[in-house]
Amino acid sequence: MLFTGLAELTIDAKQRLAIPAKYRSQIDESRDGRAWICVPWPEGSLLRLYTEAEFARISSAEIAGRETLIPSPEQAELEAAFFSLSERIEPDSAGRLTLPRLHLELVSMPQDVVMLGVRNRLEVRGRDAWKQNFKEDTFLKMPTLAARFLHGRGSNATNP
């Protein structure tokens, strides 16, 4: 599944956020599941939304070969923080998700938001902050970010 593009949305008074039809139409419930997993992320003050199946797939791949009953203190702390804050959310009949109040508070999410299609996930960000920073902090830096990513990937491939 490949999510792209963006939509400007509003979180209503009941903490509900509509998933736009252009994203809902990509979901096959028999493959992707009906629910979404919502993960608050401090860097960038955003919410990440994964389909239930994609979240399970990435979680399994992430720990493959490292699963243990006795994790390091750092691994145990990260897993406890990350997975305890990840919430499974079922959409209502109108395709809206009721976002956890704690998530909204943790990332200081405003009512007016943008939803970005980001490859295998959706991201929800404050609309004003996103618009203010997009050109300078994101668009104009794309070549530099791409070069850093590609360089890092190349060095990891040659130095395991």
N, C-alpha and C. Protein backbone atom coordinates (compact mmCIF):
# COMPACT_ATOMS: atom_id res chain seq x y z
N MET A 1 0.85 -1.16 0.00
CA MET A 1 0.00 0.00 0.00
C MET A 1 0.90 1.23 0.00
N LEU A 2 0.50 2.21 -0.80
CA LEU A 2 1.30 3.42 -0.91
C LEU A 2 0.39 4.63 -0.73
N PHE A 3 0.57 5.34 0.39
CA PHE A 3 -0.19 6.55 0.66
C PHE A 3 0.63 7.75 0.18
N THR A 4 -0.01 8.64 -0.58
CA THR A 4 0.63 9.86 -1.06
C THR A 4 -0.35 11.02 -0.95
N GLY A 5 0.15 12.22 -1.14
CA GLY A 5 -0.70 13.40 -1.15
C GLY A 5 -1.02 13.91 0.24
N LEU A 6 -1.90 14.90 0.27
CA LEU A 6 -2.30 15.47 1.56
C LEU A 6 -3.74 15.95 1.50
N ALA A 7 -4.31 16.16 2.66
CA ALA A 7 -5.67 16.68 2.80
C ALA A 7 -5.72 17.59 4.00
N GLU A 8 -6.46 18.67 3.90
CA GLU A 8 -6.69 19.57 5.02
C GLU A 8 -7.99 19.16 5.69
N LEU A 9 -7.93 18.94 7.01
CA LEU A 9 -9.06 18.41 7.76
C LEU A 9 -9.23 19.16 9.08
N THR A 10 -10.31 18.81 9.77
CA THR A 10 -10.58 19.37 11.09
C THR A 10 -10.93 18.23 12.04
N ILE A 11 -10.35 18.28 13.23
CA ILE A 11 -10.72 17.35 14.29
C ILE A 11 -11.93 17.97 14.98
N ASP A 12 -13.03 17.24 15.04
CA ASP A 12 -14.25 17.82 15.61
C ASP A 12 -14.22 17.82 17.14
N ALA A 13 -15.26 18.36 17.74
CA ALA A 13 -15.32 18.51 19.20
C ALA A 13 -15.31 17.17 19.93
N LYS A 14 -15.67 16.09 19.23
CA LYS A 14 -15.66 14.75 19.84
C LYS A 14 -14.37 13.99 19.54
N GLN A 15 -13.33 14.73 19.13
CA GLN A 15 -12.01 14.15 18.83
C GLN A 15 -12.02 13.25 17.61
N ARG A 16 -12.97 13.43 16.71
CA ARG A 16 -13.07 12.57 15.52
C ARG A 16 -12.38 13.22 14.34
N LEU A 17 -11.73 12.38 13.56
CA LEU A 17 -11.04 12.80 12.36
C LEU A 17 -11.46 11.88 11.23
N ALA A 18 -11.93 12.47 10.15
CA ALA A 18 -12.35 11.67 8.99
C ALA A 18 -11.12 11.26 8.17
N ILE A 19 -11.09 10.00 7.80
CA ILE A 19 -10.06 9.54 6.86
C ILE A 19 -10.62 9.84 5.46
N PRO A 20 -9.93 10.67 4.68
CA PRO A 20 -10.45 11.03 3.35
C PRO A 20 -10.65 9.80 2.46
N ALA A 21 -11.63 9.90 1.58
CA ALA A 21 -11.99 8.79 0.68
C ALA A 21 -10.79 8.33 -0.15
N LYS A 22 -9.90 9.26 -0.53
CA LYS A 22 -8.75 8.85 -1.36
C LYS A 22 -7.84 7.87 -0.62
N TYR A 23 -7.83 7.92 0.71
CA TYR A 23 -7.06 6.95 1.48
C TYR A 23 -7.89 5.72 1.82
N ARG A 24 -9.15 5.94 2.20
CA ARG A 24 -10.03 4.81 2.53
C ARG A 24 -10.16 3.86 1.35
N SER A 25 -10.19 4.40 0.13
CA SER A 25 -10.38 3.55 -1.05
C SER A 25 -9.21 2.61 -1.29
N GLN A 26 -8.07 2.88 -0.68
CA GLN A 26 -6.90 2.02 -0.84
C GLN A 26 -6.90 0.84 0.13
N ILE A 27 -7.78 0.88 1.11
CA ILE A 27 -7.80 -0.14 2.15
C ILE A 27 -8.65 -1.33 1.72
N ASP A 28 -8.07 -2.49 1.84
CA ASP A 28 -8.79 -3.75 1.63
C ASP A 28 -8.87 -4.40 3.01
N GLU A 29 -10.05 -4.37 3.61
CA GLU A 29 -10.18 -4.84 5.00
C GLU A 29 -9.74 -6.29 5.17
N SER A 30 -9.92 -7.12 4.15
CA SER A 30 -9.50 -8.52 4.29
C SER A 30 -7.98 -8.64 4.35
N ARG A 31 -7.28 -7.69 3.77
CA ARG A 31 -5.81 -7.70 3.78
C ARG A 31 -5.24 -6.78 4.87
N ASP A 32 -5.81 -5.59 5.00
CA ASP A 32 -5.24 -4.55 5.86
C ASP A 32 -5.89 -4.46 7.23
N GLY A 33 -7.02 -5.12 7.42
CA GLY A 33 -7.78 -5.00 8.65
C GLY A 33 -8.65 -3.76 8.60
N ARG A 34 -9.57 -3.65 9.52
CA ARG A 34 -10.48 -2.50 9.56
C ARG A 34 -9.92 -1.38 10.43
N ALA A 35 -9.18 -1.74 11.44
CA ALA A 35 -8.71 -0.77 12.43
C ALA A 35 -7.41 -0.10 11.99
N TRP A 36 -7.12 0.99 12.66
CA TRP A 36 -5.87 1.73 12.50
C TRP A 36 -5.14 1.72 13.84
N ILE A 37 -3.83 1.81 13.79
CA ILE A 37 -3.02 1.97 14.99
C ILE A 37 -2.50 3.41 14.98
N CYS A 38 -2.78 4.14 16.06
CA CYS A 38 -2.39 5.53 16.19
C CYS A 38 -1.20 5.61 17.14
N VAL A 39 -0.13 6.27 16.68
CA VAL A 39 1.09 6.40 17.47
C VAL A 39 1.45 7.88 17.56
N PRO A 40 1.47 8.46 18.77
CA PRO A 40 1.91 9.85 18.89
C PRO A 40 3.43 9.90 18.74
N TRP A 41 3.92 10.94 18.07
CA TRP A 41 5.36 11.05 17.87
C TRP A 41 5.82 12.44 18.26
N PRO A 42 6.75 12.54 19.21
CA PRO A 42 7.15 13.85 19.73
C PRO A 42 7.88 14.73 18.72
N GLU A 43 8.75 14.14 17.93
CA GLU A 43 9.51 14.92 16.96
C GLU A 43 8.56 15.33 15.84
N GLY A 44 8.30 16.62 15.74
CA GLY A 44 7.36 17.11 14.74
C GLY A 44 5.94 17.23 15.27
N SER A 45 5.70 16.81 16.50
CA SER A 45 4.36 16.87 17.11
C SER A 45 3.30 16.34 16.16
N LEU A 46 3.33 15.07 15.93
CA LEU A 46 2.42 14.47 14.96
C LEU A 46 1.86 13.15 15.46
N LEU A 47 0.83 12.70 14.77
CA LEU A 47 0.26 11.37 15.00
C LEU A 47 0.52 10.54 13.76
N ARG A 48 0.99 9.33 13.94
CA ARG A 48 1.19 8.40 12.83
C ARG A 48 0.07 7.38 12.87
N LEU A 49 -0.53 7.14 11.72
CA LEU A 49 -1.61 6.17 11.59
C LEU A 49 -1.18 5.06 10.63
N TYR A 50 -1.21 3.84 11.13
CA TYR A 50 -0.87 2.67 10.34
C TYR A 50 -2.10 1.77 10.26
N THR A 51 -2.28 1.09 9.13
CA THR A 51 -3.32 0.07 9.14
C THR A 51 -2.87 -1.00 10.14
N GLU A 52 -3.84 -1.71 10.66
CA GLU A 52 -3.53 -2.73 11.66
C GLU A 52 -2.53 -3.76 11.11
N ALA A 53 -2.73 -4.19 9.88
CA ALA A 53 -1.85 -5.20 9.29
C ALA A 53 -0.44 -4.65 9.06
N GLU A 54 -0.33 -3.41 8.61
CA GLU A 54 0.99 -2.82 8.37
C GLU A 54 1.75 -2.64 9.68
N PHE A 55 1.07 -2.22 10.73
CA PHE A 55 1.70 -2.06 12.03
C PHE A 55 2.22 -3.41 12.53
N ALA A 56 1.42 -4.45 12.39
CA ALA A 56 1.85 -5.79 12.83
C ALA A 56 3.03 -6.26 11.99
N ARG A 57 2.99 -6.02 10.68
CA ARG A 57 4.08 -6.45 9.80
C ARG A 57 5.39 -5.76 10.18
N ILE A 58 5.34 -4.44 10.36
CA ILE A 58 6.55 -3.70 10.69
C ILE A 58 7.05 -4.08 12.09
N SER A 59 6.14 -4.25 13.04
CA SER A 59 6.53 -4.64 14.40
C SER A 59 7.25 -5.98 14.38
N SER A 60 6.74 -6.92 13.62
CA SER A 60 7.37 -8.24 13.54
C SER A 60 8.72 -8.17 12.87
N ALA A 61 8.82 -7.41 11.79
CA ALA A 61 10.10 -7.28 11.08
C ALA A 61 11.13 -6.56 11.95
N GLU A 62 10.69 -5.59 12.71
CA GLU A 62 11.58 -4.78 13.54
C GLU A 62 12.25 -5.63 14.63
N ILE A 63 11.53 -6.61 15.16
CA ILE A 63 12.10 -7.39 16.26
C ILE A 63 12.61 -8.76 15.82
N ALA A 64 12.49 -9.07 14.52
CA ALA A 64 12.94 -10.37 14.03
C ALA A 64 14.41 -10.59 14.41
N GLY A 65 14.68 -11.71 15.02
CA GLY A 65 16.04 -12.04 15.40
C GLY A 65 16.50 -11.38 16.69
N ARG A 66 15.69 -10.48 17.26
CA ARG A 66 16.09 -9.79 18.49
C ARG A 66 15.09 -10.04 19.61
N GLU A 67 14.12 -10.86 19.36
CA GLU A 67 13.10 -11.10 20.38
C GLU A 67 13.73 -11.91 21.52
N THR A 68 13.44 -11.48 22.73
CA THR A 68 14.03 -12.12 23.90
C THR A 68 13.11 -11.93 25.10
N LEU A 69 13.20 -12.84 26.02
CA LEU A 69 12.47 -12.71 27.28
C LEU A 69 13.22 -11.79 28.25
N ILE A 70 14.47 -11.51 27.93
CA ILE A 70 15.28 -10.67 28.80
C ILE A 70 15.87 -9.54 27.95
N PRO A 71 15.04 -8.55 27.59
CA PRO A 71 15.57 -7.44 26.77
C PRO A 71 16.50 -6.55 27.60
N SER A 72 17.35 -5.83 26.90
CA SER A 72 18.20 -4.86 27.59
C SER A 72 17.29 -3.81 28.23
N PRO A 73 17.78 -3.12 29.24
CA PRO A 73 16.95 -2.08 29.87
C PRO A 73 16.47 -1.04 28.86
N GLU A 74 17.32 -0.66 27.90
CA GLU A 74 16.93 0.33 26.90
C GLU A 74 15.83 -0.20 25.99
N GLN A 75 15.98 -1.45 25.54
CA GLN A 75 14.97 -2.05 24.67
C GLN A 75 13.64 -2.19 25.43
N ALA A 76 13.70 -2.63 26.65
CA ALA A 76 12.48 -2.79 27.46
C ALA A 76 11.78 -1.45 27.66
N GLU A 77 12.56 -0.40 27.94
CA GLU A 77 11.97 0.92 28.15
C GLU A 77 11.34 1.46 26.87
N LEU A 78 12.03 1.30 25.74
CA LEU A 78 11.48 1.76 24.47
C LEU A 78 10.21 1.00 24.11
N GLU A 79 10.24 -0.32 24.23
CA GLU A 79 9.05 -1.12 23.92
C GLU A 79 7.88 -0.74 24.81
N ALA A 80 8.12 -0.55 26.10
CA ALA A 80 7.04 -0.18 27.02
C ALA A 80 6.45 1.17 26.64
N ALA A 81 7.30 2.14 26.34
CA ALA A 81 6.81 3.47 25.97
C ALA A 81 6.08 3.42 24.63
N PHE A 82 6.70 2.82 23.64
CA PHE A 82 6.13 2.83 22.29
C PHE A 82 4.82 2.06 22.20
N PHE A 83 4.82 0.82 22.64
CA PHE A 83 3.64 -0.01 22.47
C PHE A 83 2.51 0.37 23.43
N SER A 84 2.84 0.89 24.60
CA SER A 84 1.77 1.30 25.52
C SER A 84 1.08 2.56 25.02
N LEU A 85 1.78 3.38 24.26
CA LEU A 85 1.17 4.59 23.70
C LEU A 85 0.49 4.34 22.35
N SER A 86 0.73 3.20 21.73
CA SER A 86 0.10 2.88 20.46
C SER A 86 -1.32 2.38 20.72
N GLU A 87 -2.29 3.01 20.09
CA GLU A 87 -3.70 2.66 20.32
C GLU A 87 -4.37 2.15 19.05
N ARG A 88 -5.11 1.07 19.19
CA ARG A 88 -5.91 0.53 18.09
C ARG A 88 -7.23 1.28 18.05
N ILE A 89 -7.59 1.79 16.87
CA ILE A 89 -8.80 2.60 16.71
C ILE A 89 -9.64 2.07 15.57
N GLU A 90 -10.90 1.78 15.86
CA GLU A 90 -11.84 1.33 14.83
C GLU A 90 -12.56 2.55 14.25
N PRO A 91 -12.66 2.65 12.93
CA PRO A 91 -13.42 3.76 12.36
C PRO A 91 -14.92 3.56 12.57
N ASP A 92 -15.65 4.68 12.64
CA ASP A 92 -17.10 4.57 12.73
C ASP A 92 -17.67 4.37 11.32
N SER A 93 -18.98 4.31 11.19
CA SER A 93 -19.61 4.03 9.89
C SER A 93 -19.34 5.12 8.86
N ALA A 94 -18.96 6.33 9.31
CA ALA A 94 -18.65 7.42 8.39
C ALA A 94 -17.15 7.48 8.07
N GLY A 95 -16.39 6.51 8.55
CA GLY A 95 -14.95 6.48 8.28
C GLY A 95 -14.14 7.41 9.16
N ARG A 96 -14.71 7.83 10.29
CA ARG A 96 -13.99 8.73 11.21
C ARG A 96 -13.32 7.93 12.31
N LEU A 97 -12.17 8.43 12.74
CA LEU A 97 -11.45 7.84 13.86
C LEU A 97 -11.59 8.77 15.06
N THR A 98 -11.90 8.21 16.21
CA THR A 98 -11.89 9.00 17.44
C THR A 98 -10.49 8.90 18.01
N LEU A 99 -9.77 10.01 17.93
CA LEU A 99 -8.38 10.03 18.35
C LEU A 99 -8.28 10.07 19.87
N PRO A 100 -7.36 9.32 20.44
CA PRO A 100 -7.21 9.33 21.90
C PRO A 100 -6.85 10.72 22.42
N ARG A 101 -7.56 11.14 23.45
CA ARG A 101 -7.32 12.45 24.06
C ARG A 101 -5.85 12.59 24.49
N LEU A 102 -5.30 11.53 25.09
CA LEU A 102 -3.91 11.58 25.52
C LEU A 102 -2.98 11.88 24.35
N HIS A 103 -3.22 11.26 23.20
CA HIS A 103 -2.38 11.50 22.03
C HIS A 103 -2.45 12.96 21.60
N LEU A 104 -3.66 13.49 21.55
CA LEU A 104 -3.85 14.89 21.15
C LEU A 104 -3.13 15.83 22.11
N GLU A 105 -3.21 15.52 23.40
CA GLU A 105 -2.54 16.35 24.40
C GLU A 105 -1.02 16.22 24.32
N LEU A 106 -0.51 15.00 24.15
CA LEU A 106 0.93 14.79 24.11
C LEU A 106 1.60 15.57 23.00
N VAL A 107 0.95 15.65 21.84
CA VAL A 107 1.56 16.33 20.69
C VAL A 107 1.00 17.74 20.49
N SER A 108 0.16 18.20 21.42
CA SER A 108 -0.46 19.53 21.34
C SER A 108 -1.11 19.75 19.97
N MET A 109 -1.96 18.80 19.58
CA MET A 109 -2.58 18.84 18.26
C MET A 109 -3.70 19.87 18.22
N PRO A 110 -3.65 20.81 17.28
CA PRO A 110 -4.74 21.77 17.13
C PRO A 110 -5.92 21.14 16.42
N GLN A 111 -7.00 21.85 16.32
CA GLN A 111 -8.22 21.36 15.67
C GLN A 111 -8.04 21.27 14.15
N ASP A 112 -7.38 22.26 13.55
CA ASP A 112 -7.15 22.28 12.10
C ASP A 112 -5.86 21.56 11.79
N VAL A 113 -5.95 20.52 10.95
CA VAL A 113 -4.80 19.65 10.69
C VAL A 113 -4.64 19.38 9.19
N VAL A 114 -3.50 18.83 8.86
CA VAL A 114 -3.28 18.24 7.54
C VAL A 114 -3.00 16.76 7.75
N MET A 115 -3.47 15.95 6.81
CA MET A 115 -3.17 14.53 6.82
C MET A 115 -2.29 14.28 5.60
N LEU A 116 -1.11 13.74 5.87
CA LEU A 116 -0.14 13.47 4.82
C LEU A 116 -0.08 11.98 4.54
N GLY A 117 -0.07 11.62 3.27
CA GLY A 117 0.22 10.25 2.88
C GLY A 117 1.73 10.09 2.86
N VAL A 118 2.26 9.22 3.71
CA VAL A 118 3.71 9.06 3.85
C VAL A 118 4.07 7.59 3.65
N ARG A 119 4.07 7.19 2.41
CA ARG A 119 4.43 5.83 2.01
C ARG A 119 3.50 4.79 2.64
N ASN A 120 3.86 4.21 3.77
CA ASN A 120 3.08 3.12 4.35
C ASN A 120 2.21 3.57 5.53
N ARG A 121 2.10 4.88 5.72
CA ARG A 121 1.33 5.40 6.86
C ARG A 121 0.72 6.75 6.50
N LEU A 122 -0.17 7.20 7.37
CA LEU A 122 -0.70 8.55 7.30
C LEU A 122 -0.15 9.31 8.49
N GLU A 123 0.13 10.59 8.30
CA GLU A 123 0.57 11.43 9.41
C GLU A 123 -0.38 12.60 9.55
N VAL A 124 -0.72 12.92 10.80
CA VAL A 124 -1.59 14.05 11.11
C VAL A 124 -0.72 15.10 11.80
N ARG A 125 -0.73 16.32 11.24
CA ARG A 125 0.08 17.41 11.77
C ARG A 125 -0.78 18.66 11.87
N GLY A 126 -0.42 19.56 12.75
CA GLY A 126 -1.10 20.84 12.86
C GLY A 126 -0.98 21.60 11.55
N ARG A 127 -2.11 22.09 11.03
CA ARG A 127 -2.13 22.74 9.72
C ARG A 127 -1.26 24.00 9.67
N ASP A 128 -1.41 24.90 10.62
CA ASP A 128 -0.66 26.16 10.58
C ASP A 128 0.85 25.92 10.66
N ALA A 129 1.27 25.06 11.58
CA ALA A 129 2.70 24.77 11.72
C ALA A 129 3.24 24.12 10.46
N TRP A 130 2.47 23.21 9.88
CA TRP A 130 2.91 22.54 8.66
C TRP A 130 3.06 23.54 7.52
N LYS A 131 2.07 24.39 7.34
CA LYS A 131 2.14 25.38 6.26
C LYS A 131 3.29 26.35 6.47
N GLN A 132 3.49 26.77 7.69
CA GLN A 132 4.55 27.74 8.01
C GLN A 132 5.93 27.17 7.72
N ASN A 133 6.14 25.90 8.03
CA ASN A 133 7.46 25.30 7.92
C ASN A 133 7.68 24.49 6.66
N PHE A 134 6.64 24.24 5.90
CA PHE A 134 6.79 23.30 4.78
C PHE A 134 7.84 23.74 3.77
N LYS A 135 7.71 24.95 3.25
CA LYS A 135 8.62 25.36 2.18
C LYS A 135 10.06 25.40 2.65
N GLU A 136 10.33 26.10 3.75
CA GLU A 136 11.71 26.26 4.21
C GLU A 136 12.28 24.98 4.81
N ASP A 137 11.50 24.31 5.64
CA ASP A 137 12.03 23.18 6.39
C ASP A 137 11.89 21.84 5.69
N THR A 138 11.04 21.75 4.70
CA THR A 138 10.83 20.46 4.07
C THR A 138 11.12 20.50 2.57
N PHE A 139 10.37 21.29 1.85
CA PHE A 139 10.48 21.29 0.40
C PHE A 139 11.89 21.65 -0.07
N LEU A 140 12.43 22.74 0.43
CA LEU A 140 13.74 23.19 -0.04
C LEU A 140 14.88 22.28 0.44
N LYS A 141 14.64 21.52 1.50
CA LYS A 141 15.67 20.61 2.02
C LYS A 141 15.60 19.21 1.42
N MET A 142 14.62 18.95 0.56
CA MET A 142 14.47 17.59 0.02
C MET A 142 15.75 17.05 -0.63
N PRO A 143 16.47 17.81 -1.47
CA PRO A 143 17.70 17.26 -2.06
C PRO A 143 18.74 16.89 -1.00
N THR A 144 18.90 17.73 0.03
CA THR A 144 19.86 17.46 1.09
C THR A 144 19.45 16.23 1.90
N LEU A 145 18.16 16.14 2.23
CA LEU A 145 17.68 14.97 2.98
C LEU A 145 17.87 13.70 2.17
N ALA A 146 17.57 13.75 0.87
CA ALA A 146 17.73 12.57 0.01
C ALA A 146 19.19 12.15 -0.05
N ALA A 147 20.08 13.12 -0.21
CA ALA A 147 21.51 12.79 -0.28
C ALA A 147 22.00 12.16 1.02
N ARG A 148 21.58 12.71 2.16
CA ARG A 148 21.97 12.15 3.46
C ARG A 148 21.46 10.72 3.62
N PHE A 149 20.20 10.52 3.26
CA PHE A 149 19.60 9.19 3.38
C PHE A 149 20.32 8.19 2.49
N LEU A 150 20.53 8.56 1.24
CA LEU A 150 21.17 7.63 0.29
C LEU A 150 22.62 7.36 0.68
N HIS A 151 23.31 8.37 1.18
CA HIS A 151 24.69 8.18 1.62
C HIS A 151 24.73 7.24 2.83
N GLY A 152 23.84 7.46 3.78
CA GLY A 152 23.79 6.61 4.97
C GLY A 152 23.43 5.18 4.64
N ARG A 153 22.52 5.01 3.69
CA ARG A 153 22.13 3.66 3.29
C ARG A 153 23.28 2.96 2.61
N GLY A 154 24.03 3.69 1.80
CA GLY A 154 25.18 3.11 1.13
C GLY A 154 26.26 2.69 2.09
N SER A 155 26.51 3.52 3.11
CA SER A 155 27.57 3.17 4.07
C SER A 155 27.14 2.01 4.95
N ASN A 156 25.83 1.89 5.23
CA ASN A 156 25.38 0.75 6.03
C ASN A 156 25.50 -0.56 5.26
N ALA A 157 25.32 -0.46 3.94
CA ALA A 157 25.41 -1.67 3.12
C ALA A 157 26.83 -2.21 3.08
N THR A 158 27.83 -1.31 3.12
CA THR A 158 29.21 -1.78 3.05
C THR A 158 29.83 -2.02 4.42
N ASN A 159 29.25 -1.44 5.45
CA ASN A 159 29.79 -1.62 6.81
C ASN A 159 28.69 -2.17 7.73
N PRO A 160 28.55 -3.49 7.80
CA PRO A 160 27.44 -4.05 8.59
C PRO A 160 27.52 -3.74 10.05
